[in-house]
Amino acid sequence: MHLNGAVDIKSRMSEMRGAARRVIDGARARVVEAASDRQGAMMPANQPGAITLSRAHNPLRHGKFAAMIPGDSAVELVITSGLFSTLNIYNTLLIGRLILTWFPNPPQAIVYPLSTLCDPYLNLFRGIIPPIGGTIDLSPILAFTVLNVFTNTAAALPCEIDPETGEMKQTKPTGVGAKFRERVDLARARRAAKAAK
């Protein structure tokens, strides 16, 4: 009886794997068909722009990872600037938390919320870099480096990819700072033109 149950489980598992393969193959065929309909005609696989579908598809391999939030809209501005601002605020909180560790008896009303927010992130890196001599903790250096990478990535989110060249292009900044920068550049150009005369 035990043997029949084991055979039954193996046959059911085999049926489930077959069904999963059929679903994946069907989905793959629909994606390829939809992409070929969008392009007008199916391209050979060796031409650039041809669609190849694999389980290990990695969009970063082709260098086109900037335009994660495409378009020039208010939603894009809110998401990208909000993410960038949030990471900068978190960076400031980390600095505050680390400065408070230098004091022997810091006020608990300040330390408790900061440690609740910052310690889980810092503990990730304390496991990687142990303290030197039991007192000097160098793990925040790695934590700030990783946070800087994320902050710079968030700053690159509003980039767009030029369809002709495939290169990234930075969207033109808007706002008070950008207008001020334009006025300064215009004034410099006028002064350079007067000096050239």
C-alpha atoms as a PDB file:
ATOM      1  CA  MET A   1       0.000   0.000   0.000  1.00  0.00           C
ATOM      2  CA  HIS A   2       2.872   2.325   0.784  1.00  0.00           C
ATOM      3  CA  LEU A   3       4.414   1.564  -2.603  1.00  0.00           C
ATOM      4  CA  ASN A   4       1.206   2.477  -4.459  1.00  0.00           C
ATOM      5  CA  GLY A   5       1.080   5.832  -2.669  1.00  0.00           C
ATOM      6  CA  ALA A   6       4.675   6.613  -3.674  1.00  0.00           C
ATOM      7  CA  VAL A   7       3.989   5.693  -7.316  1.00  0.00           C
ATOM      8  CA  ASP A   8       0.836   7.803  -7.259  1.00  0.00           C
ATOM      9  CA  ILE A   9       2.754  10.832  -5.940  1.00  0.00           C
ATOM     10  CA  LYS A  10       5.473  10.390  -8.593  1.00  0.00           C
ATOM     11  CA  SER A  11       2.917  10.168 -11.386  1.00  0.00           C
ATOM     12  CA  ARG A  12       1.068  13.236 -10.086  1.00  0.00           C
ATOM     13  CA  MET A  13       4.333  15.187  -9.867  1.00  0.00           C
ATOM     14  CA  SER A  14       5.177  14.175 -13.427  1.00  0.00           C
ATOM     15  CA  GLU A  15       1.731  15.336 -14.596  1.00  0.00           C
ATOM     16  CA  MET A  16       2.153  18.654 -12.797  1.00  0.00           C
ATOM     17  CA  ARG A  17       5.589  19.230 -14.346  1.00  0.00           C
ATOM     18  CA  GLY A  18       4.186  18.484 -17.793  1.00  0.00           C
ATOM     19  CA  ALA A  19       1.299  20.886 -17.252  1.00  0.00           C
ATOM     20  CA  ALA A  20       3.670  23.599 -16.056  1.00  0.00           C
ATOM     21  CA  ARG A  21       5.892  23.102 -19.121  1.00  0.00           C
ATOM     22  CA  ARG A  22       2.872  23.357 -21.438  1.00  0.00           C
ATOM     23  CA  VAL A  23       1.759  26.593 -19.755  1.00  0.00           C
ATOM     24  CA  ILE A  24       5.251  28.110 -19.995  1.00  0.00           C
ATOM     25  CA  ASP A  25       5.627  27.076 -23.641  1.00  0.00           C
ATOM     26  CA  GLY A  26       2.214  28.536 -24.453  1.00  0.00           C
ATOM     27  CA  ALA A  27       3.052  31.811 -22.729  1.00  0.00           C
ATOM     28  CA  ARG A  28       6.399  31.959 -24.531  1.00  0.00           C
ATOM     29  CA  ALA A  29       4.671  31.384 -27.879  1.00  0.00           C
ATOM     30  CA  ARG A  30       2.116  34.141 -27.153  1.00  0.00           C
ATOM     31  CA  VAL A  31       4.887  36.617 -26.214  1.00  0.00           C
ATOM     32  CA  VAL A  32       6.870  35.853 -29.366  1.00  0.00           C
ATOM     33  CA  GLU A  33       3.709  36.096 -31.500  1.00  0.00           C
ATOM     34  CA  ALA A  34       2.697  39.418 -29.944  1.00  0.00           C
ATOM     35  CA  ALA A  35       6.197  40.819 -30.410  1.00  0.00           C
ATOM     36  CA  SER A  36       6.349  39.721 -34.040  1.00  0.00           C
ATOM     37  CA  ASP A  37       2.915  41.269 -34.664  1.00  0.00           C
ATOM     38  CA  ARG A  38       4.164  44.528 -33.156  1.00  0.00           C
ATOM     39  CA  GLN A  39       7.267  44.550 -35.329  1.00  0.00           C
ATOM     40  CA  GLY A  40       5.315  43.748 -38.470  1.00  0.00           C
ATOM     41  CA  ALA A  41       7.383  40.750 -39.515  1.00  0.00           C
ATOM     42  CA  MET A  42       9.488  38.213 -37.717  1.00  0.00           C
ATOM     43  CA  MET A  43      13.211  39.041 -37.746  1.00  0.00           C
ATOM     44  CA  PRO A  44      15.906  36.392 -37.959  1.00  0.00           C
ATOM     45  CA  ALA A  45      17.491  35.635 -34.614  1.00  0.00           C
ATOM     46  CA  ASN A  46      20.942  36.868 -35.676  1.00  0.00           C
ATOM     47  CA  GLN A  47      19.783  40.412 -36.474  1.00  0.00           C
ATOM     48  CA  PRO A  48      19.874  43.122 -33.824  1.00  0.00           C
ATOM     49  CA  GLY A  49      16.491  43.736 -32.319  1.00  0.00           C
ATOM     50  CA  ALA A  50      15.373  40.142 -32.716  1.00  0.00           C
ATOM     51  CA  ILE A  51      13.536  38.689 -29.784  1.00  0.00           C
ATOM     52  CA  THR A  52      15.180  35.829 -27.989  1.00  0.00           C
ATOM     53  CA  LEU A  53      13.402  34.441 -25.007  1.00  0.00           C
ATOM     54  CA  SER A  54      15.360  32.579 -22.385  1.00  0.00           C
ATOM     55  CA  ARG A  55      14.910  31.800 -18.731  1.00  0.00           C
ATOM     56  CA  ALA A  56      18.040  33.789 -17.903  1.00  0.00           C
ATOM     57  CA  HIS A  57      17.035  37.026 -19.649  1.00  0.00           C
ATOM     58  CA  ASN A  58      18.945  39.876 -18.085  1.00  0.00           C
ATOM     59  CA  PRO A  59      18.061  43.418 -19.255  1.00  0.00           C
ATOM     60  CA  LEU A  60      21.199  44.797 -17.581  1.00  0.00           C
ATOM     61  CA  ARG A  61      23.352  42.759 -19.958  1.00  0.00           C
ATOM     62  CA  HIS A  62      22.436  45.030 -22.862  1.00  0.00           C
ATOM     63  CA  GLY A  63      23.160  48.260 -20.974  1.00  0.00           C
ATOM     64  CA  LYS A  64      19.613  49.598 -21.255  1.00  0.00           C
ATOM     65  CA  PHE A  65      18.719  49.922 -17.611  1.00  0.00           C
ATOM     66  CA  ALA A  66      18.156  53.658 -17.201  1.00  0.00           C
ATOM     67  CA  ALA A  67      14.600  54.131 -18.447  1.00  0.00           C
ATOM     68  CA  MET A  68      12.898  52.190 -15.686  1.00  0.00           C
ATOM     69  CA  ILE A  69      10.111  54.736 -15.354  1.00  0.00           C
ATOM     70  CA  PRO A  70       9.534  55.959 -18.906  1.00  0.00           C
ATOM     71  CA  GLY A  71       7.680  59.075 -19.860  1.00  0.00           C
ATOM     72  CA  ASP A  72       7.702  62.709 -18.945  1.00  0.00           C
ATOM     73  CA  SER A  73       4.867  62.995 -16.474  1.00  0.00           C
ATOM     74  CA  ALA A  74       4.059  64.129 -12.977  1.00  0.00           C
ATOM     75  CA  VAL A  75       3.967  60.506 -11.811  1.00  0.00           C
ATOM     76  CA  GLU A  76       7.550  59.989 -12.972  1.00  0.00           C
ATOM     77  CA  LEU A  77       8.648  63.170 -11.236  1.00  0.00           C
ATOM     78  CA  VAL A  78       6.928  62.228  -7.979  1.00  0.00           C
ATOM     79  CA  ILE A  79       8.318  58.684  -7.948  1.00  0.00           C
ATOM     80  CA  THR A  80      11.897  59.534  -8.885  1.00  0.00           C
ATOM     81  CA  SER A  81      12.261  62.645  -6.754  1.00  0.00           C
ATOM     82  CA  GLY A  82      10.458  60.955  -3.859  1.00  0.00           C
ATOM     83  CA  LEU A  83      12.771  57.943  -3.973  1.00  0.00           C
ATOM     84  CA  PHE A  84      15.846  60.163  -4.254  1.00  0.00           C
ATOM     85  CA  SER A  85      14.689  62.348  -1.340  1.00  0.00           C
ATOM     86  CA  THR A  86      13.831  59.325   0.806  1.00  0.00           C
ATOM     87  CA  LEU A  87      17.299  57.853   0.330  1.00  0.00           C
ATOM     88  CA  ASN A  88      18.912  61.206   1.163  1.00  0.00           C
ATOM     89  CA  ILE A  89      16.813  61.504   4.333  1.00  0.00           C
ATOM     90  CA  TYR A  90      17.774  57.950   5.313  1.00  0.00           C
ATOM     91  CA  ASN A  91      21.422  58.852   4.755  1.00  0.00           C
ATOM     92  CA  THR A  92      20.989  61.780   7.162  1.00  0.00           C
ATOM     93  CA  LEU A  93      19.310  59.521   9.735  1.00  0.00           C
ATOM     94  CA  LEU A  94      22.237  57.095   9.513  1.00  0.00           C
ATOM     95  CA  ILE A  95      24.697  59.911  10.131  1.00  0.00           C
ATOM     96  CA  GLY A  96      22.671  61.027  13.175  1.00  0.00           C
ATOM     97  CA  ARG A  97      22.548  57.474  14.520  1.00  0.00           C
ATOM     98  CA  LEU A  98      26.293  57.026  14.140  1.00  0.00           C
ATOM     99  CA  ILE A  99      27.092  60.360  15.784  1.00  0.00           C
ATOM    100  CA  LEU A 100      24.883  59.441  18.763  1.00  0.00           C
ATOM    101  CA  THR A 101      26.907  56.246  19.280  1.00  0.00           C
ATOM    102  CA  TRP A 102      29.905  58.407  20.202  1.00  0.00           C
ATOM    103  CA  PHE A 103      28.214  59.693  23.355  1.00  0.00           C
ATOM    104  CA  PRO A 104      28.084  57.550  26.509  1.00  0.00           C
ATOM    105  CA  ASN A 105      24.521  58.485  27.590  1.00  0.00           C
ATOM    106  CA  PRO A 106      22.580  59.937  24.661  1.00  0.00           C
ATOM    107  CA  PRO A 107      18.902  60.870  25.201  1.00  0.00           C
ATOM    108  CA  GLN A 108      16.745  57.773  24.713  1.00  0.00           C
ATOM    109  CA  ALA A 109      13.937  59.836  23.162  1.00  0.00           C
ATOM    110  CA  ILE A 110      16.224  60.431  20.181  1.00  0.00           C
ATOM    111  CA  VAL A 111      18.190  57.183  20.153  1.00  0.00           C
ATOM    112  CA  TYR A 112      15.241  54.765  20.236  1.00  0.00           C
ATOM    113  CA  PRO A 113      13.507  55.945  17.017  1.00  0.00           C
ATOM    114  CA  LEU A 114      16.812  56.274  15.181  1.00  0.00           C
ATOM    115  CA  SER A 115      17.975  52.830  16.237  1.00  0.00           C
ATOM    116  CA  THR A 116      14.614  51.353  15.230  1.00  0.00           C
ATOM    117  CA  LEU A 117      15.002  52.814  11.736  1.00  0.00           C
ATOM    118  CA  CYS A 118      18.754  52.464  11.188  1.00  0.00           C
ATOM    119  CA  ASP A 119      19.978  49.399  13.080  1.00  0.00           C
ATOM    120  CA  PRO A 120      18.363  46.748  10.819  1.00  0.00           C
ATOM    121  CA  TYR A 121      20.213  48.214   7.826  1.00  0.00           C
ATOM    122  CA  LEU A 122      23.480  48.631   9.729  1.00  0.00           C
ATOM    123  CA  ASN A 123      23.258  45.094  11.161  1.00  0.00           C
ATOM    124  CA  LEU A 124      23.385  43.693   7.621  1.00  0.00           C
ATOM    125  CA  PHE A 125      26.896  45.079   7.289  1.00  0.00           C
ATOM    126  CA  ARG A 126      28.012  44.370  10.862  1.00  0.00           C
ATOM    127  CA  GLY A 127      27.746  40.693   9.979  1.00  0.00           C
ATOM    128  CA  ILE A 128      30.066  41.213   7.012  1.00  0.00           C
ATOM    129  CA  ILE A 129      32.717  43.417   8.668  1.00  0.00           C
ATOM    130  CA  PRO A 130      33.266  42.575  12.352  1.00  0.00           C
ATOM    131  CA  PRO A 131      34.452  45.333  14.729  1.00  0.00           C
ATOM    132  CA  ILE A 132      38.214  45.798  14.963  1.00  0.00           C
ATOM    133  CA  GLY A 133      39.452  45.235  18.497  1.00  0.00           C
ATOM    134  CA  GLY A 134      35.850  44.946  19.647  1.00  0.00           C
ATOM    135  CA  THR A 135      35.317  48.731  19.614  1.00  0.00           C
ATOM    136  CA  ILE A 136      36.009  50.197  16.170  1.00  0.00           C
ATOM    137  CA  ASP A 137      33.135  49.440  13.805  1.00  0.00           C
ATOM    138  CA  LEU A 138      33.969  49.982  10.126  1.00  0.00           C
ATOM    139  CA  SER A 139      30.762  48.448   8.766  1.00  0.00           C
ATOM    140  CA  PRO A 140      29.007  51.851   8.352  1.00  0.00           C
ATOM    141  CA  ILE A 141      31.530  52.676   5.615  1.00  0.00           C
ATOM    142  CA  LEU A 142      30.215  49.766   3.555  1.00  0.00           C
ATOM    143  CA  ALA A 143      26.640  50.701   4.505  1.00  0.00           C
ATOM    144  CA  PHE A 144      27.140  54.271   3.242  1.00  0.00           C
ATOM    145  CA  THR A 145      28.765  52.998   0.045  1.00  0.00           C
ATOM    146  CA  VAL A 146      25.812  50.739  -0.734  1.00  0.00           C
ATOM    147  CA  LEU A 147      23.356  53.522   0.122  1.00  0.00           C
ATOM    148  CA  ASN A 148      25.292  55.850  -2.193  1.00  0.00           C
ATOM    149  CA  VAL A 149      24.967  53.344  -5.035  1.00  0.00           C
ATOM    150  CA  PHE A 150      21.201  53.193  -4.483  1.00  0.00           C
ATOM    151  CA  THR A 151      20.974  56.989  -4.279  1.00  0.00           C
ATOM    152  CA  ASN A 152      22.899  57.410  -7.531  1.00  0.00           C
ATOM    153  CA  THR A 153      20.702  54.785  -9.170  1.00  0.00           C
ATOM    154  CA  ALA A 154      17.621  56.676  -8.020  1.00  0.00           C
ATOM    155  CA  ALA A 155      19.080  59.837  -9.529  1.00  0.00           C
ATOM    156  CA  ALA A 156      19.500  57.992 -12.863  1.00  0.00           C
ATOM    157  CA  LEU A 157      15.923  56.706 -12.981  1.00  0.00           C
ATOM    158  CA  PRO A 158      14.509  59.592 -15.030  1.00  0.00           C
ATOM    159  CA  CYS A 159      17.061  58.975 -17.803  1.00  0.00           C
ATOM    160  CA  GLU A 160      15.721  57.961 -21.182  1.00  0.00           C
ATOM    161  CA  ILE A 161      17.245  55.857 -23.930  1.00  0.00           C
ATOM    162  CA  ASP A 162      17.615  57.377 -27.382  1.00  0.00           C
ATOM    163  CA  PRO A 163      15.914  54.972 -29.830  1.00  0.00           C
ATOM    164  CA  GLU A 164      18.349  55.721 -32.696  1.00  0.00           C
ATOM    165  CA  THR A 165      21.663  55.403 -30.859  1.00  0.00           C
ATOM    166  CA  GLY A 166      20.624  53.296 -27.882  1.00  0.00           C
ATOM    167  CA  GLU A 167      22.525  55.615 -25.537  1.00  0.00           C
ATOM    168  CA  MET A 168      21.189  57.064 -22.308  1.00  0.00           C
ATOM    169  CA  LYS A 169      20.203  60.690 -22.299  1.00  0.00           C
ATOM    170  CA  GLN A 170      19.467  62.702 -19.196  1.00  0.00           C
ATOM    171  CA  THR A 171      16.088  64.384 -19.158  1.00  0.00           C
ATOM    172  CA  LYS A 172      16.198  68.120 -18.859  1.00  0.00           C
ATOM    173  CA  PRO A 173      15.776  69.117 -15.207  1.00  0.00           C
ATOM    174  CA  THR A 174      12.893  71.378 -14.305  1.00  0.00           C
ATOM    175  CA  GLY A 175      12.209  73.543 -11.300  1.00  0.00           C
ATOM    176  CA  VAL A 176      13.659  76.600  -9.627  1.00  0.00           C
ATOM    177  CA  GLY A 177      17.234  75.284  -9.554  1.00  0.00           C
ATOM    178  CA  ALA A 178      17.184  74.435 -13.255  1.00  0.00           C
ATOM    179  CA  LYS A 179      15.796  77.868 -14.175  1.00  0.00           C
ATOM    180  CA  PHE A 180      18.470  79.547 -12.056  1.00  0.00           C
ATOM    181  CA  ARG A 181      21.161  77.425 -13.741  1.00  0.00           C
ATOM    182  CA  GLU A 182      19.815  78.424 -17.182  1.00  0.00           C
ATOM    183  CA  ARG A 183      19.965  82.115 -16.242  1.00  0.00           C
ATOM    184  CA  VAL A 184      23.542  81.764 -14.962  1.00  0.00           C
ATOM    185  CA  ASP A 185      24.611  79.953 -18.149  1.00  0.00           C
ATOM    186  CA  LEU A 186      22.907  82.595 -20.298  1.00  0.00           C
ATOM    187  CA  ALA A 187      24.664  85.402 -18.396  1.00  0.00           C
ATOM    188  CA  ARG A 188      28.027  83.643 -18.837  1.00  0.00           C
ATOM    189  CA  ALA A 189      27.400  83.272 -22.550  1.00  0.00           C
ATOM    190  CA  ARG A 190      26.561  86.984 -22.856  1.00  0.00           C
ATOM    191  CA  ARG A 191      29.748  87.953 -20.978  1.00  0.00           C
ATOM    192  CA  ALA A 192      31.824  85.650 -23.174  1.00  0.00           C
ATOM    193  CA  ALA A 193      30.242  87.163 -26.294  1.00  0.00           C
ATOM    194  CA  LYS A 194      31.008  90.721 -25.072  1.00  0.00           C
ATOM    195  CA  ALA A 195      34.582  89.753 -24.219  1.00  0.00           C
ATOM    196  CA  ALA A 196      35.045  88.248 -27.683  1.00  0.00           C
ATOM    197  CA  LYS A 197      34.018  91.534 -29.357  1.00  0.00           C
END
